[in-house]
Amino acid sequence: MVSFVERTFSRAELYMHHIVTEVERRGMPLELALLPVIESAFEPYAFSRSAASGLWQFVPGTGTRFGLPQNWWYDGRRDVLESTRAALDYLQFLHDEFDGDWLLAVAGYNCGEACVARARRVNAAAGRPTDFFSLRLPAETRAYVPKLLAMKRLVESPETYGIAFSPIANEPYFARVDLDGQIDLKVAAELAGIPHESLFELNPAFHRWATPPQGPHHLLLPIDAADLFRQNLAQLTPDERMRVTHHVVRRGETLAAVARQYGAQPLEVRMLNDLGNGPLVAGTDLRVPSGATQLPAKVLR
């Protein structure tokens, strides 16, 4: 238990200030910021057997319902900013749906509002109370709300439970940096002077080698790396940002052959150029991923 808490709050250090700030801005109970502890242990790539994903563990349908796109390039359920917005929107909806009862809202977040509403109707029809502790809910949900309440107590007084973990700094860990188009994620890490893994921890929604062509056009970066990134980004051409080369299609050439020539996947080339499913047209100028492209010497380190 101790090692789990220590690992979890070590990961939480990246995201917690943003989540707490958003919870406070909305006037919601602060313990809601601890829900990702229960949901994902603050693991941004967490994926469950029910296909729930991200810090807040949205299943595909609920993610779509609360405005989280899921496509070949991007999964909004893993977007730190957007999934937090969607989770708090959902919790506020549940709070309003259940007459201002936050425990029922949290229960609904776990098992769905229809499950909680049905249990309330059964109790009301039988003349029984309809608060959380009086409802007959799934076993996982009956344990879920107490887990959050217990985590609140642990965070308020860790020494009582023999646990010590470093306090999370009351300052932002990351900054949002807006872009004007796509960028190769490894190029972005090099421009910011950070390890690739650090970039991926803050931007887990981008599940391909680059940001999507249609956006979102922004990255989250450690706050002390943001200025260096901006300076370096301004010096690169669009092709340097994407590490792409140009290939003019010859008569009879196939997409698979072009991709193989550059060590890329056919689907990557198709998506990068927004191609349909038909054959290539001779003379077409294709942009092809090329990891061999080097950054210019002018980039700051």
C-alpha atoms as a PDB file:
ATOM      1  CA  MET A   1       0.000   0.000   0.000  1.00  0.00           C
ATOM      2  CA  VAL A   2       2.763   2.449   0.951  1.00  0.00           C
ATOM      3  CA  SER A   3       4.708   1.872  -2.279  1.00  0.00           C
ATOM      4  CA  PHE A   4       1.495   2.191  -4.330  1.00  0.00           C
ATOM      5  CA  VAL A   5       0.690   5.560  -2.763  1.00  0.00           C
ATOM      6  CA  GLU A   6       4.252   6.811  -3.198  1.00  0.00           C
ATOM      7  CA  ARG A   7       4.350   5.816  -6.881  1.00  0.00           C
ATOM      8  CA  THR A   8       0.899   7.233  -7.523  1.00  0.00           C
ATOM      9  CA  PHE A   9       1.603  10.624  -5.998  1.00  0.00           C
ATOM     10  CA  SER A  10       4.955  10.779  -7.729  1.00  0.00           C
ATOM     11  CA  ARG A  11       3.071  10.583 -11.043  1.00  0.00           C
ATOM     12  CA  ALA A  12       0.356  12.931  -9.745  1.00  0.00           C
ATOM     13  CA  GLU A  13       2.949  15.680  -9.346  1.00  0.00           C
ATOM     14  CA  LEU A  14       2.726  16.334 -13.094  1.00  0.00           C
ATOM     15  CA  TYR A  15      -1.049  16.792 -13.228  1.00  0.00           C
ATOM     16  CA  MET A  16      -2.398  17.621  -9.782  1.00  0.00           C
ATOM     17  CA  HIS A  17      -1.942  21.393  -9.783  1.00  0.00           C
ATOM     18  CA  HIS A  18      -3.977  21.709 -12.969  1.00  0.00           C
ATOM     19  CA  ILE A  19      -6.722  19.401 -11.705  1.00  0.00           C
ATOM     20  CA  VAL A  20      -6.983  21.110  -8.307  1.00  0.00           C
ATOM     21  CA  THR A  21      -7.074  24.521  -9.999  1.00  0.00           C
ATOM     22  CA  GLU A  22      -9.965  23.423 -12.204  1.00  0.00           C
ATOM     23  CA  VAL A  23     -11.870  21.858  -9.299  1.00  0.00           C
ATOM     24  CA  GLU A  24     -11.464  25.038  -7.237  1.00  0.00           C
ATOM     25  CA  ARG A  25     -12.455  27.258 -10.166  1.00  0.00           C
ATOM     26  CA  ARG A  26     -15.736  25.372 -10.450  1.00  0.00           C
ATOM     27  CA  GLY A  27     -16.406  25.430  -6.688  1.00  0.00           C
ATOM     28  CA  MET A  28     -16.453  21.640  -6.471  1.00  0.00           C
ATOM     29  CA  PRO A  29     -15.256  19.522  -3.498  1.00  0.00           C
ATOM     30  CA  LEU A  30     -11.453  19.251  -3.542  1.00  0.00           C
ATOM     31  CA  GLU A  31     -11.490  15.502  -2.940  1.00  0.00           C
ATOM     32  CA  LEU A  32     -12.744  15.072  -6.519  1.00  0.00           C
ATOM     33  CA  ALA A  33      -9.174  15.869  -7.601  1.00  0.00           C
ATOM     34  CA  LEU A  34      -8.232  12.507  -6.056  1.00  0.00           C
ATOM     35  CA  LEU A  35     -10.526  10.472  -8.301  1.00  0.00           C
ATOM     36  CA  PRO A  36      -7.673   9.664 -10.726  1.00  0.00           C
ATOM     37  CA  VAL A  37      -5.934   7.906  -7.824  1.00  0.00           C
ATOM     38  CA  ILE A  38      -8.838   5.456  -7.707  1.00  0.00           C
ATOM     39  CA  GLU A  39      -9.425   5.368 -11.452  1.00  0.00           C
ATOM     40  CA  SER A  40      -5.932   5.080 -12.898  1.00  0.00           C
ATOM     41  CA  ALA A  41      -3.320   5.633 -10.156  1.00  0.00           C
ATOM     42  CA  PHE A  42      -2.476   8.743 -12.215  1.00  0.00           C
ATOM     43  CA  GLU A  43      -1.157   6.547 -15.020  1.00  0.00           C
ATOM     44  CA  PRO A  44      -1.958   8.505 -18.221  1.00  0.00           C
ATOM     45  CA  TYR A  45      -1.836   5.404 -20.437  1.00  0.00           C
ATOM     46  CA  ALA A  46      -4.043   3.283 -18.151  1.00  0.00           C
ATOM     47  CA  PHE A  47      -6.448   1.074 -20.141  1.00  0.00           C
ATOM     48  CA  SER A  48      -9.042  -1.188 -18.554  1.00  0.00           C
ATOM     49  CA  ARG A  49     -10.763  -4.396 -19.618  1.00  0.00           C
ATOM     50  CA  SER A  50     -13.893  -2.334 -20.322  1.00  0.00           C
ATOM     51  CA  ALA A  51     -11.868  -0.154 -22.756  1.00  0.00           C
ATOM     52  CA  ALA A  52     -11.733   2.796 -20.345  1.00  0.00           C
ATOM     53  CA  SER A  53      -8.694   4.975 -20.964  1.00  0.00           C
ATOM     54  CA  GLY A  54      -6.668   7.797 -19.462  1.00  0.00           C
ATOM     55  CA  LEU A  55      -6.325   9.463 -16.066  1.00  0.00           C
ATOM     56  CA  TRP A  56     -10.108   9.678 -15.666  1.00  0.00           C
ATOM     57  CA  GLN A  57     -10.878   6.309 -17.333  1.00  0.00           C
ATOM     58  CA  PHE A  58     -13.508   7.296 -19.866  1.00  0.00           C
ATOM     59  CA  VAL A  59     -15.089   4.488 -21.882  1.00  0.00           C
ATOM     60  CA  PRO A  60     -15.485   5.336 -25.578  1.00  0.00           C
ATOM     61  CA  GLY A  61     -19.196   6.188 -25.458  1.00  0.00           C
ATOM     62  CA  THR A  62     -19.007   8.481 -22.447  1.00  0.00           C
ATOM     63  CA  GLY A  63     -15.903  10.110 -23.891  1.00  0.00           C
ATOM     64  CA  THR A  64     -17.775  10.943 -27.092  1.00  0.00           C
ATOM     65  CA  ARG A  65     -20.765  12.169 -25.104  1.00  0.00           C
ATOM     66  CA  PHE A  66     -18.574  14.678 -23.267  1.00  0.00           C
ATOM     67  CA  GLY A  67     -16.690  15.923 -26.292  1.00  0.00           C
ATOM     68  CA  LEU A  68     -13.576  13.750 -26.358  1.00  0.00           C
ATOM     69  CA  PRO A  69     -12.728  12.775 -29.967  1.00  0.00           C
ATOM     70  CA  GLN A  70     -11.135   9.386 -30.590  1.00  0.00           C
ATOM     71  CA  ASN A  71      -9.481   8.819 -33.957  1.00  0.00           C
ATOM     72  CA  TRP A  72      -6.381   7.387 -35.651  1.00  0.00           C
ATOM     73  CA  TRP A  73      -4.167  10.253 -34.490  1.00  0.00           C
ATOM     74  CA  TYR A  74      -5.645  11.306 -31.168  1.00  0.00           C
ATOM     75  CA  ASP A  75      -7.595   9.987 -28.186  1.00  0.00           C
ATOM     76  CA  GLY A  76      -9.147  12.820 -26.194  1.00  0.00           C
ATOM     77  CA  ARG A  77      -9.739  10.453 -23.265  1.00  0.00           C
ATOM     78  CA  ARG A  78      -5.984  10.620 -22.636  1.00  0.00           C
ATOM     79  CA  ASP A  79      -5.703  14.386 -23.151  1.00  0.00           C
ATOM     80  CA  VAL A  80      -4.750  15.824 -19.745  1.00  0.00           C
ATOM     81  CA  LEU A  81      -6.611  19.113 -20.267  1.00  0.00           C
ATOM     82  CA  GLU A  82      -9.634  17.846 -22.150  1.00  0.00           C
ATOM     83  CA  SER A  83     -10.251  14.708 -20.096  1.00  0.00           C
ATOM     84  CA  THR A  84     -10.124  16.772 -16.901  1.00  0.00           C
ATOM     85  CA  ARG A  85     -12.629  19.215 -18.374  1.00  0.00           C
ATOM     86  CA  ALA A  86     -14.889  16.361 -19.458  1.00  0.00           C
ATOM     87  CA  ALA A  87     -14.635  14.512 -16.120  1.00  0.00           C
ATOM     88  CA  LEU A  88     -15.601  17.610 -14.161  1.00  0.00           C
ATOM     89  CA  ASP A  89     -18.426  18.340 -16.612  1.00  0.00           C
ATOM     90  CA  TYR A  90     -19.711  14.806 -16.077  1.00  0.00           C
ATOM     91  CA  LEU A  91     -19.429  15.027 -12.288  1.00  0.00           C
ATOM     92  CA  GLN A  92     -21.263  18.353 -12.275  1.00  0.00           C
ATOM     93  CA  PHE A  93     -24.001  16.846 -14.430  1.00  0.00           C
ATOM     94  CA  LEU A  94     -24.329  13.914 -12.021  1.00  0.00           C
ATOM     95  CA  HIS A  95     -24.394  16.263  -9.008  1.00  0.00           C
ATOM     96  CA  ASP A  96     -27.268  18.200 -10.554  1.00  0.00           C
ATOM     97  CA  GLU A  97     -29.035  15.008 -11.642  1.00  0.00           C
ATOM     98  CA  PHE A  98     -28.968  13.619  -8.083  1.00  0.00           C
ATOM     99  CA  ASP A  99     -30.243  16.700  -6.255  1.00  0.00           C
ATOM    100  CA  GLY A 100     -26.836  18.045  -5.247  1.00  0.00           C
ATOM    101  CA  ASP A 101     -25.564  14.822  -3.633  1.00  0.00           C
ATOM    102  CA  TRP A 102     -21.829  14.476  -4.355  1.00  0.00           C
ATOM    103  CA  LEU A 103     -21.607  10.889  -3.056  1.00  0.00           C
ATOM    104  CA  LEU A 104     -24.265   9.828  -5.549  1.00  0.00           C
ATOM    105  CA  ALA A 105     -22.456  11.797  -8.241  1.00  0.00           C
ATOM    106  CA  VAL A 106     -19.243   9.890  -7.550  1.00  0.00           C
ATOM    107  CA  ALA A 107     -21.157   6.603  -7.525  1.00  0.00           C
ATOM    108  CA  GLY A 108     -22.703   7.529 -10.870  1.00  0.00           C
ATOM    109  CA  TYR A 109     -19.274   8.279 -12.275  1.00  0.00           C
ATOM    110  CA  ASN A 110     -18.340   4.685 -11.531  1.00  0.00           C
ATOM    111  CA  CYS A 111     -21.432   2.743 -12.586  1.00  0.00           C
ATOM    112  CA  GLY A 112     -23.369   5.278 -14.681  1.00  0.00           C
ATOM    113  CA  GLU A 113     -26.267   7.537 -13.804  1.00  0.00           C
ATOM    114  CA  ALA A 114     -28.859   5.012 -15.002  1.00  0.00           C
ATOM    115  CA  CYS A 115     -27.618   2.449 -12.467  1.00  0.00           C
ATOM    116  CA  VAL A 116     -27.823   4.912  -9.568  1.00  0.00           C
ATOM    117  CA  ALA A 117     -31.185   6.312 -10.708  1.00  0.00           C
ATOM    118  CA  ARG A 118     -32.619   2.789 -10.913  1.00  0.00           C
ATOM    119  CA  ALA A 119     -31.413   1.949  -7.391  1.00  0.00           C
ATOM    120  CA  ARG A 120     -32.933   5.189  -6.070  1.00  0.00           C
ATOM    121  CA  ARG A 121     -36.297   4.417  -7.698  1.00  0.00           C
ATOM    122  CA  VAL A 122     -36.341   0.949  -6.120  1.00  0.00           C
ATOM    123  CA  ASN A 123     -35.667   2.369  -2.660  1.00  0.00           C
ATOM    124  CA  ALA A 124     -38.143   5.216  -3.066  1.00  0.00           C
ATOM    125  CA  ALA A 125     -40.877   2.790  -4.140  1.00  0.00           C
ATOM    126  CA  ALA A 126     -40.187   0.697  -1.023  1.00  0.00           C
ATOM    127  CA  GLY A 127     -40.163   3.736   1.274  1.00  0.00           C
ATOM    128  CA  ARG A 128     -36.433   3.388   1.989  1.00  0.00           C
ATOM    129  CA  PRO A 129     -33.814   6.197   2.036  1.00  0.00           C
ATOM    130  CA  THR A 130     -32.153   7.035  -1.271  1.00  0.00           C
ATOM    131  CA  ASP A 131     -28.732   8.167  -0.026  1.00  0.00           C
ATOM    132  CA  PHE A 132     -25.608   6.360  -1.238  1.00  0.00           C
ATOM    133  CA  PHE A 133     -25.185   4.101   1.795  1.00  0.00           C
ATOM    134  CA  SER A 134     -28.823   2.931   1.575  1.00  0.00           C
ATOM    135  CA  LEU A 135     -28.756   1.928  -2.098  1.00  0.00           C
ATOM    136  CA  ARG A 136     -28.172  -1.529  -3.522  1.00  0.00           C
ATOM    137  CA  LEU A 137     -25.403  -0.873  -6.047  1.00  0.00           C
ATOM    138  CA  PRO A 138     -22.764  -3.055  -7.734  1.00  0.00           C
ATOM    139  CA  ALA A 139     -20.017  -4.243  -5.383  1.00  0.00           C
ATOM    140  CA  GLU A 140     -17.388  -2.209  -7.228  1.00  0.00           C
ATOM    141  CA  THR A 141     -19.422   0.975  -6.760  1.00  0.00           C
ATOM    142  CA  ARG A 142     -20.116   0.229  -3.083  1.00  0.00           C
ATOM    143  CA  ALA A 143     -16.341   0.103  -2.589  1.00  0.00           C
ATOM    144  CA  TYR A 144     -15.541   2.996  -4.956  1.00  0.00           C
ATOM    145  CA  VAL A 145     -17.000   5.856  -2.913  1.00  0.00           C
ATOM    146  CA  PRO A 146     -15.441   4.703   0.395  1.00  0.00           C
ATOM    147  CA  LYS A 147     -12.084   4.398  -1.397  1.00  0.00           C
ATOM    148  CA  LEU A 148     -12.284   8.068  -2.356  1.00  0.00           C
ATOM    149  CA  LEU A 149     -13.270   9.075   1.192  1.00  0.00           C
ATOM    150  CA  ALA A 150     -10.402   7.006   2.595  1.00  0.00           C
ATOM    151  CA  MET A 151      -7.940   8.569   0.146  1.00  0.00           C
ATOM    152  CA  LYS A 152      -9.100  12.012   1.278  1.00  0.00           C
ATOM    153  CA  ARG A 153      -8.300  11.119   4.902  1.00  0.00           C
ATOM    154  CA  LEU A 154      -4.934   9.666   3.956  1.00  0.00           C
ATOM    155  CA  VAL A 155      -3.908  12.812   2.071  1.00  0.00           C
ATOM    156  CA  GLU A 156      -5.092  15.065   4.903  1.00  0.00           C
ATOM    157  CA  SER A 157      -3.136  13.119   7.529  1.00  0.00           C
ATOM    158  CA  PRO A 158      -0.610  10.671   6.029  1.00  0.00           C
ATOM    159  CA  GLU A 159       1.400  10.381   9.257  1.00  0.00           C
ATOM    160  CA  THR A 160      -1.635   8.841  10.972  1.00  0.00           C
ATOM    161  CA  TYR A 161      -1.376   5.903   8.595  1.00  0.00           C
ATOM    162  CA  GLY A 162       2.416   5.622   8.649  1.00  0.00           C
ATOM    163  CA  ILE A 163       2.832   7.038   5.151  1.00  0.00           C
ATOM    164  CA  ALA A 164       5.150   9.824   4.090  1.00  0.00           C
ATOM    165  CA  PHE A 165       5.286  11.240   0.593  1.00  0.00           C
ATOM    166  CA  SER A 166       6.664  14.472  -0.777  1.00  0.00           C
ATOM    167  CA  PRO A 167       4.093  17.271  -0.909  1.00  0.00           C
ATOM    168  CA  ILE A 168       3.071  18.348  -4.393  1.00  0.00           C
ATOM    169  CA  ALA A 169       4.253  21.860  -5.194  1.00  0.00           C
ATOM    170  CA  ASN A 170       1.529  24.489  -5.329  1.00  0.00           C
ATOM    171  CA  GLU A 171       2.621  25.704  -8.764  1.00  0.00           C
ATOM    172  CA  PRO A 172       2.031  24.587 -12.342  1.00  0.00           C
ATOM    173  CA  TYR A 173       4.224  21.777 -13.610  1.00  0.00           C
ATOM    174  CA  PHE A 174       3.430  22.327 -17.284  1.00  0.00           C
ATOM    175  CA  ALA A 175       2.585  25.084 -19.738  1.00  0.00           C
ATOM    176  CA  ARG A 176       0.420  24.835 -22.829  1.00  0.00           C
ATOM    177  CA  VAL A 177       2.278  25.881 -25.978  1.00  0.00           C
ATOM    178  CA  ASP A 178       0.166  26.586 -29.069  1.00  0.00           C
ATOM    179  CA  LEU A 179       1.351  25.382 -32.490  1.00  0.00           C
ATOM    180  CA  ASP A 180       0.419  26.428 -36.020  1.00  0.00           C
ATOM    181  CA  GLY A 181       0.477  22.907 -37.457  1.00  0.00           C
ATOM    182  CA  GLN A 182       1.756  19.375 -37.053  1.00  0.00           C
ATOM    183  CA  ILE A 183       5.009  18.411 -35.382  1.00  0.00           C
ATOM    184  CA  ASP A 184       6.889  15.141 -34.967  1.00  0.00           C
ATOM    185  CA  LEU A 185       6.743  14.375 -31.244  1.00  0.00           C
ATOM    186  CA  LYS A 186      10.379  13.324 -31.017  1.00  0.00           C
ATOM    187  CA  VAL A 187      11.386  16.537 -32.768  1.00  0.00           C
ATOM    188  CA  ALA A 188       9.295  18.438 -30.212  1.00  0.00           C
ATOM    189  CA  ALA A 189      11.107  16.736 -27.331  1.00  0.00           C
ATOM    190  CA  GLU A 190      14.493  17.612 -28.865  1.00  0.00           C
ATOM    191  CA  LEU A 191      13.441  21.233 -29.361  1.00  0.00           C
ATOM    192  CA  ALA A 192      12.379  21.439 -25.709  1.00  0.00           C
ATOM    193  CA  GLY A 193      15.539  19.728 -24.467  1.00  0.00           C
ATOM    194  CA  ILE A 194      13.609  17.027 -22.599  1.00  0.00           C
ATOM    195  CA  PRO A 195      13.519  13.208 -22.860  1.00  0.00           C
ATOM    196  CA  HIS A 196      10.915  11.792 -25.238  1.00  0.00           C
ATOM    197  CA  GLU A 197       9.288   9.997 -22.307  1.00  0.00           C
ATOM    198  CA  SER A 198       8.686  13.298 -20.505  1.00  0.00           C
ATOM    199  CA  LEU A 199       6.868  14.693 -23.537  1.00  0.00           C
ATOM    200  CA  PHE A 200       4.720  11.578 -23.858  1.00  0.00           C
ATOM    201  CA  GLU A 201       3.742  11.691 -20.155  1.00  0.00           C
ATOM    202  CA  LEU A 202       2.247  15.144 -20.656  1.00  0.00           C
ATOM    203  CA  ASN A 203       0.783  14.469 -24.114  1.00  0.00           C
ATOM    204  CA  PRO A 204      -0.520  10.892 -24.007  1.00  0.00           C
ATOM    205  CA  ALA A 205      -3.493  11.693 -26.255  1.00  0.00           C
ATOM    206  CA  PHE A 206      -1.249  11.749 -29.329  1.00  0.00           C
ATOM    207  CA  HIS A 207      -0.840   8.065 -30.096  1.00  0.00           C
ATOM    208  CA  ARG A 208       1.029   8.348 -33.390  1.00  0.00           C
ATOM    209  CA  TRP A 209       4.479   9.708 -34.216  1.00  0.00           C
ATOM    210  CA  ALA A 210       3.184  13.261 -34.692  1.00  0.00           C
ATOM    211  CA  THR A 211       0.380  15.588 -33.638  1.00  0.00           C
ATOM    212  CA  PRO A 212      -2.771  15.350 -35.810  1.00  0.00           C
ATOM    213  CA  PRO A 213      -3.035  17.311 -39.075  1.00  0.00           C
ATOM    214  CA  GLN A 214      -6.399  18.745 -38.004  1.00  0.00           C
ATOM    215  CA  GLY A 215      -5.360  19.457 -34.417  1.00  0.00           C
ATOM    216  CA  PRO A 216      -5.432  19.914 -31.556  1.00  0.00           C
ATOM    217  CA  HIS A 217      -2.451  22.148 -32.291  1.00  0.00           C
ATOM    218  CA  HIS A 218      -0.815  22.470 -28.907  1.00  0.00           C
ATOM    219  CA  LEU A 219       1.571  20.621 -26.617  1.00  0.00           C
ATOM    220  CA  LEU A 220       1.989  20.504 -22.862  1.00  0.00           C
ATOM    221  CA  LEU A 221       5.604  21.008 -21.819  1.00  0.00           C
ATOM    222  CA  PRO A 222       7.397  21.304 -18.468  1.00  0.00           C
ATOM    223  CA  ILE A 223       7.103  24.960 -17.614  1.00  0.00           C
ATOM    224  CA  ASP A 224      10.875  25.478 -17.553  1.00  0.00           C
ATOM    225  CA  ALA A 225      11.236  24.006 -21.078  1.00  0.00           C
ATOM    226  CA  ALA A 226       8.497  25.994 -22.816  1.00  0.00           C
ATOM    227  CA  ASP A 227      10.539  29.077 -23.772  1.00  0.00           C
ATOM    228  CA  LEU A 228      13.400  27.040 -25.263  1.00  0.00           C
ATOM    229  CA  PHE A 229      10.865  25.073 -27.296  1.00  0.00           C
ATOM    230  CA  ARG A 230       9.255  28.254 -28.652  1.00  0.00           C
ATOM    231  CA  GLN A 231      12.627  29.699 -29.639  1.00  0.00           C
ATOM    232  CA  ASN A 232      13.706  26.555 -31.450  1.00  0.00           C
ATOM    233  CA  LEU A 233      10.340  25.949 -33.099  1.00  0.00           C
ATOM    234  CA  ALA A 234      10.413  29.406 -34.704  1.00  0.00           C
ATOM    235  CA  GLN A 235      13.605  28.463 -36.580  1.00  0.00           C
ATOM    236  CA  LEU A 236      12.267  25.354 -38.323  1.00  0.00           C
ATOM    237  CA  THR A 237      10.429  24.936 -41.598  1.00  0.00           C
ATOM    238  CA  PRO A 238       7.230  22.829 -41.660  1.00  0.00           C
ATOM    239  CA  ASP A 239       9.130  19.915 -43.238  1.00  0.00           C
ATOM    240  CA  GLU A 240      11.828  20.103 -40.541  1.00  0.00           C
ATOM    241  CA  ARG A 241       9.147  20.039 -37.851  1.00  0.00           C
ATOM    242  CA  MET A 242       7.699  16.856 -39.309  1.00  0.00           C
ATOM    243  CA  ARG A 243      10.935  15.161 -40.457  1.00  0.00           C
ATOM    244  CA  VAL A 244       9.374  14.494 -43.831  1.00  0.00           C
ATOM    245  CA  THR A 245      10.796  14.155 -47.302  1.00  0.00           C
ATOM    246  CA  HIS A 246       8.939  14.682 -50.584  1.00  0.00           C
ATOM    247  CA  HIS A 247       8.367  11.895 -53.082  1.00  0.00           C
ATOM    248  CA  VAL A 248       6.857  12.429 -56.545  1.00  0.00           C
ATOM    249  CA  VAL A 249       4.780   9.377 -57.484  1.00  0.00           C
ATOM    250  CA  ARG A 250       5.872   7.558 -60.640  1.00  0.00           C
ATOM    251  CA  ARG A 251       3.486   5.757 -62.985  1.00  0.00           C
ATOM    252  CA  GLY A 252       2.453   2.371 -61.583  1.00  0.00           C
ATOM    253  CA  GLU A 253       3.963   3.026 -58.162  1.00  0.00           C
ATOM    254  CA  THR A 254       2.000   1.724 -55.161  1.00  0.00           C
ATOM    255  CA  LEU A 255       1.592   3.212 -51.727  1.00  0.00           C
ATOM    256  CA  ALA A 256       3.167   0.124 -50.167  1.00  0.00           C
ATOM    257  CA  ALA A 257       6.248   0.488 -52.371  1.00  0.00           C
ATOM    258  CA  VAL A 258       6.667   4.173 -51.525  1.00  0.00           C
ATOM    259  CA  ALA A 259       6.288   3.513 -47.796  1.00  0.00           C
ATOM    260  CA  ARG A 260       8.770   0.614 -47.926  1.00  0.00           C
ATOM    261  CA  GLN A 261      11.317   2.789 -49.720  1.00  0.00           C
ATOM    262  CA  TYR A 262      11.361   5.244 -46.799  1.00  0.00           C
ATOM    263  CA  GLY A 263      10.935   2.761 -43.941  1.00  0.00           C
ATOM    264  CA  ALA A 264       7.417   4.000 -43.203  1.00  0.00           C
ATOM    265  CA  GLN A 265       4.043   2.278 -42.889  1.00  0.00           C
ATOM    266  CA  PRO A 266       1.536   2.641 -45.762  1.00  0.00           C
ATOM    267  CA  LEU A 267      -1.164   3.858 -43.379  1.00  0.00           C
ATOM    268  CA  GLU A 268       1.186   6.561 -42.061  1.00  0.00           C
ATOM    269  CA  VAL A 269       1.760   7.878 -45.583  1.00  0.00           C
ATOM    270  CA  ARG A 270      -1.963   7.699 -46.367  1.00  0.00           C
ATOM    271  CA  MET A 271      -2.968   9.590 -43.218  1.00  0.00           C
ATOM    272  CA  LEU A 272      -0.168  12.153 -43.498  1.00  0.00           C
ATOM    273  CA  ASN A 273      -1.330  13.071 -47.014  1.00  0.00           C
ATOM    274  CA  ASP A 274      -5.071  12.658 -46.367  1.00  0.00           C
ATOM    275  CA  LEU A 275      -5.311  10.129 -49.189  1.00  0.00           C
ATOM    276  CA  GLY A 276      -8.396   8.124 -50.014  1.00  0.00           C
ATOM    277  CA  ASN A 277      -8.421   4.395 -50.619  1.00  0.00           C
ATOM    278  CA  GLY A 278      -7.782   4.561 -54.364  1.00  0.00           C
ATOM    279  CA  PRO A 279      -4.478   4.033 -56.210  1.00  0.00           C
ATOM    280  CA  LEU A 280      -1.782   6.694 -56.296  1.00  0.00           C
ATOM    281  CA  VAL A 281      -1.864   9.180 -59.148  1.00  0.00           C
ATOM    282  CA  ALA A 282       1.384   9.705 -61.065  1.00  0.00           C
ATOM    283  CA  GLY A 283       2.893  13.110 -60.415  1.00  0.00           C
ATOM    284  CA  THR A 284       1.440  13.450 -56.897  1.00  0.00           C
ATOM    285  CA  ASP A 285       3.854  15.062 -54.424  1.00  0.00           C
ATOM    286  CA  LEU A 286       3.723  12.881 -51.298  1.00  0.00           C
ATOM    287  CA  ARG A 287       5.057  13.847 -47.876  1.00  0.00           C
ATOM    288  CA  VAL A 288       6.734  10.778 -46.402  1.00  0.00           C
ATOM    289  CA  PRO A 289       7.916  10.341 -42.786  1.00  0.00           C
ATOM    290  CA  SER A 290      11.691  10.131 -42.646  1.00  0.00           C
ATOM    291  CA  GLY A 291      13.371   9.606 -39.296  1.00  0.00           C
ATOM    292  CA  ALA A 292      16.713  10.171 -40.970  1.00  0.00           C
ATOM    293  CA  THR A 293      16.023  13.890 -41.385  1.00  0.00           C
ATOM    294  CA  GLN A 294      18.323  15.780 -39.011  1.00  0.00           C
ATOM    295  CA  LEU A 295      17.551  18.984 -37.150  1.00  0.00           C
ATOM    296  CA  PRO A 296      19.590  21.966 -38.326  1.00  0.00           C
ATOM    297  CA  ALA A 297      22.620  23.093 -36.313  1.00  0.00           C
ATOM    298  CA  LYS A 298      20.914  26.410 -35.473  1.00  0.00           C
ATOM    299  CA  VAL A 299      18.644  24.654 -32.938  1.00  0.00           C
ATOM    300  CA  LEU A 300      19.545  25.591 -29.363  1.00  0.00           C
ATOM    301  CA  ARG A 301      20.413  22.851 -26.881  1.00  0.00           C
END
